[in-house]
Protein backbone atom coordinates (compact mmCIF):
# COMPACT_ATOMS: atom_id res chain seq x y z
CA MET A 1 0.02 -0.09 -0.03
CA PHE A 2 2.94 2.32 0.67
CA PHE A 3 3.78 2.61 -3.21
CA LEU A 4 0.13 3.22 -4.08
CA LYS A 5 0.09 6.03 -1.53
CA GLU A 6 3.17 7.42 -3.20
CA ALA A 7 1.28 7.31 -6.55
CA LEU A 8 -1.63 9.09 -4.72
CA LYS A 9 0.90 11.86 -3.88
CA GLU A 10 1.58 12.31 -7.65
CA ALA A 11 -2.26 12.40 -8.23
CA GLU A 12 -2.50 15.21 -5.79
CA LYS A 13 0.03 17.20 -7.73
CA ALA A 14 -1.97 16.72 -10.90
CA PHE A 15 -5.05 17.93 -9.04
CA GLY A 16 -3.10 20.97 -7.95
CA TYR A 17 -2.30 21.76 -11.58
CA GLY A 18 -5.97 21.29 -12.66
CA GLU A 19 -5.17 17.95 -14.42
CA VAL A 20 -7.20 14.82 -14.08
CA PRO A 21 -5.78 13.58 -10.68
CA ILE A 22 -3.98 10.32 -11.63
CA GLY A 23 -0.56 9.40 -10.36
CA ALA A 24 1.86 6.59 -10.98
CA VAL A 25 5.18 5.27 -9.70
CA VAL A 26 7.43 2.57 -11.01
CA VAL A 27 9.21 0.47 -8.40
CA LYS A 28 12.23 -1.87 -8.86
CA ASP A 29 14.05 -3.80 -6.12
CA GLY A 30 11.81 -2.05 -3.50
CA GLU A 31 12.82 1.48 -4.67
CA ILE A 32 10.78 4.09 -6.53
CA ILE A 33 12.68 4.68 -9.72
CA SER A 34 10.19 7.02 -11.35
CA ARG A 35 7.13 9.11 -10.66
CA GLY A 36 4.48 10.59 -12.94
CA PHE A 37 1.21 12.53 -12.90
CA ASN A 38 -1.17 13.52 -15.75
CA ARG A 39 0.17 16.47 -17.69
CA LYS A 40 -2.06 16.35 -20.82
CA GLU A 41 -3.39 19.87 -20.40
CA PHE A 42 -0.16 21.48 -19.45
CA LEU A 43 1.93 19.82 -22.24
CA GLN A 44 -1.02 19.69 -24.78
CA ASP A 45 0.05 16.10 -25.23
CA PRO A 46 -2.60 13.35 -25.39
CA THR A 47 0.05 10.67 -24.42
CA ALA A 48 1.13 12.56 -21.22
CA HIS A 49 -0.79 10.14 -18.86
CA ALA A 50 0.67 9.50 -15.43
CA GLU A 51 1.54 5.92 -16.36
CA VAL A 52 3.40 6.86 -19.66
CA VAL A 53 5.25 9.71 -17.88
CA ALA A 54 6.45 7.20 -15.26
CA ILE A 55 7.25 4.53 -17.73
CA ARG A 56 9.37 7.04 -19.88
CA GLU A 57 11.23 8.24 -16.82
CA ALA A 58 11.95 4.63 -15.62
CA ALA A 59 13.34 3.63 -19.11
CA ARG A 60 15.52 6.69 -18.94
CA ARG A 61 16.80 5.93 -15.47
CA LEU A 62 17.44 2.29 -16.35
CA ASN A 63 18.72 3.06 -19.79
CA SER A 64 16.59 0.47 -21.31
CA TRP A 65 13.07 0.19 -22.59
CA ARG A 66 12.69 -3.32 -21.01
CA LEU A 67 11.32 -2.71 -17.47
CA GLU A 68 11.48 -6.31 -16.50
CA GLY A 69 11.52 -6.58 -12.63
CA CYS A 70 9.45 -3.45 -12.25
CA THR A 71 6.02 -2.85 -10.81
CA LEU A 72 3.83 0.16 -11.93
CA TYR A 73 1.56 1.52 -9.28
CA SER A 74 -1.39 3.65 -10.57
CA THR A 75 -4.15 5.41 -8.66
CA VAL A 76 -6.59 4.56 -11.54
CA GLU A 77 -6.87 1.66 -13.91
CA PRO A 78 -4.56 2.17 -16.91
CA CYS A 79 -6.38 3.04 -20.22
CA VAL A 80 -5.80 1.18 -23.50
CA MET A 81 -2.76 3.43 -24.52
CA CYS A 82 -1.17 3.04 -21.02
CA CYS A 83 -1.78 -0.81 -21.30
CA GLY A 84 0.00 -0.83 -24.58
CA ALA A 85 3.03 0.93 -23.05
CA ILE A 86 2.90 -1.50 -20.08
CA ILE A 87 3.04 -4.43 -22.46
CA GLN A 88 5.72 -2.94 -24.69
CA SER A 89 7.93 -2.09 -21.69
CA ARG A 90 7.59 -5.66 -20.19
CA ILE A 91 6.60 -4.32 -16.75
CA ASP A 92 6.14 -7.50 -14.57
CA LYS A 93 3.33 -6.26 -12.27
CA VAL A 94 0.62 -3.58 -12.39
CA VAL A 95 -1.22 -2.48 -9.21
CA TYR A 96 -4.03 0.02 -9.34
CA ALA A 97 -6.71 1.38 -7.04
CA VAL A 98 -9.79 2.77 -8.93
CA PRO A 99 -11.53 1.10 -11.85
CA ASP A 100 -12.12 3.27 -14.94
CA PRO A 101 -15.59 2.30 -16.45
CA LYS A 102 -15.09 4.77 -19.44
CA PHE A 103 -11.44 4.16 -20.48
CA GLY A 104 -10.08 1.08 -18.51
CA GLY A 105 -7.95 -1.35 -20.48
CA VAL A 106 -7.17 -3.73 -17.69
CA GLU A 107 -10.68 -5.06 -16.80
CA SER A 108 -13.44 -2.32 -17.11
CA LEU A 109 -13.73 -2.02 -20.85
CA TYR A 110 -10.96 -4.41 -22.07
CA SER A 111 -8.65 -6.99 -20.57
CA LEU A 112 -5.55 -6.16 -22.50
CA LEU A 113 -2.98 -7.11 -19.86
CA SER A 114 -4.43 -10.61 -19.52
CA ASP A 115 -5.18 -11.31 -23.09
CA GLU A 116 -3.54 -14.68 -24.00
CA ARG A 117 -2.84 -13.49 -27.52
CA SER A 118 -0.29 -10.98 -26.12
CA ASN A 119 3.36 -11.85 -25.83
CA HIS A 120 3.56 -10.25 -22.33
CA ARG A 121 1.03 -10.51 -19.48
CA PRO A 122 1.99 -8.80 -16.29
CA GLU A 123 0.49 -9.72 -12.88
CA ILE A 124 -2.41 -7.53 -12.08
CA VAL A 125 -3.36 -6.47 -8.63
CA LYS A 126 -6.34 -4.23 -7.58
CA LEU A 127 -6.04 -2.55 -4.19
CA GLU A 128 -8.72 -0.28 -2.98
CA LEU A 129 -7.62 3.11 -1.99
CA LYS A 130 -10.60 5.39 -1.11
CA GLU A 131 -8.38 8.48 -1.15
CA ALA A 132 -7.78 8.10 -4.82
CA GLU A 133 -11.42 7.66 -5.55
CA GLU A 134 -12.33 10.71 -3.53
CA LEU A 135 -9.75 12.84 -5.19
CA LEU A 136 -11.32 11.90 -8.56
CA ARG A 137 -14.85 12.71 -7.35
CA ARG A 138 -13.67 16.06 -5.93
CA PHE A 139 -11.96 16.95 -9.19
CA PHE A 140 -14.93 16.18 -11.39
CA LYS A 141 -17.39 17.93 -9.03
CA ILE A 142 -15.29 21.11 -9.36
CA LEU A 143 -15.12 20.72 -13.07
CA ARG A 144 -18.91 20.34 -13.33
CA GLU A 145 -19.52 23.40 -11.16
CA ARG A 146 -17.15 25.50 -13.38
CA CYS A 147 -18.99 24.30 -16.42
CA ARG A 148 -22.38 25.27 -14.93
CA SER A 149 -21.16 28.71 -13.91
CA LEU A 150 -19.95 29.30 -17.50
CA ALA A 151 -23.24 28.32 -19.00
C-alpha cells in the first residue's frame, strides 16, 4: 500500500495543476525509480498520462526500454494506451486502485493485460484506495461546477 500512496501523492500534484488527478510510480527492487502524474493539459500532449510519464522516466533511468523486474503502481486503472505501453515495456506487475468504467484497459472495458494472445502478460493487482477515488470525485465535481457557472 505504501507505493500506491506514493502514486496518490503524484495524483494530488495533478489535481493542484488542474489535471485529472491520476498518479503513478514505477518500483524496482523495492525502490521508486520514477514518478508521474497527468500532464495532458499542461503539455497539450494526449500521451502525457501518469503511467506513460512514469514509464518513460523509468526507461531513461534504467537506460533500457525493458522494464523487467518493475512494478507500476497507478491510482486509476490504466487506459488502452497505457496498457500498450505497459506491455511494450515488459513491466512485470501492475497495481491500481480505482477502476475506470469509461477508459479502463485492464478490466473495465478491455482485458488487454491478461489477453492470452499478447506476448507479455503482467501480474495484475487491484487494491482499493478510497483517497484516490475521493480525489477523482472532488476533481470532477469542481469541473462540473465550473462548467455550470460558465453556461
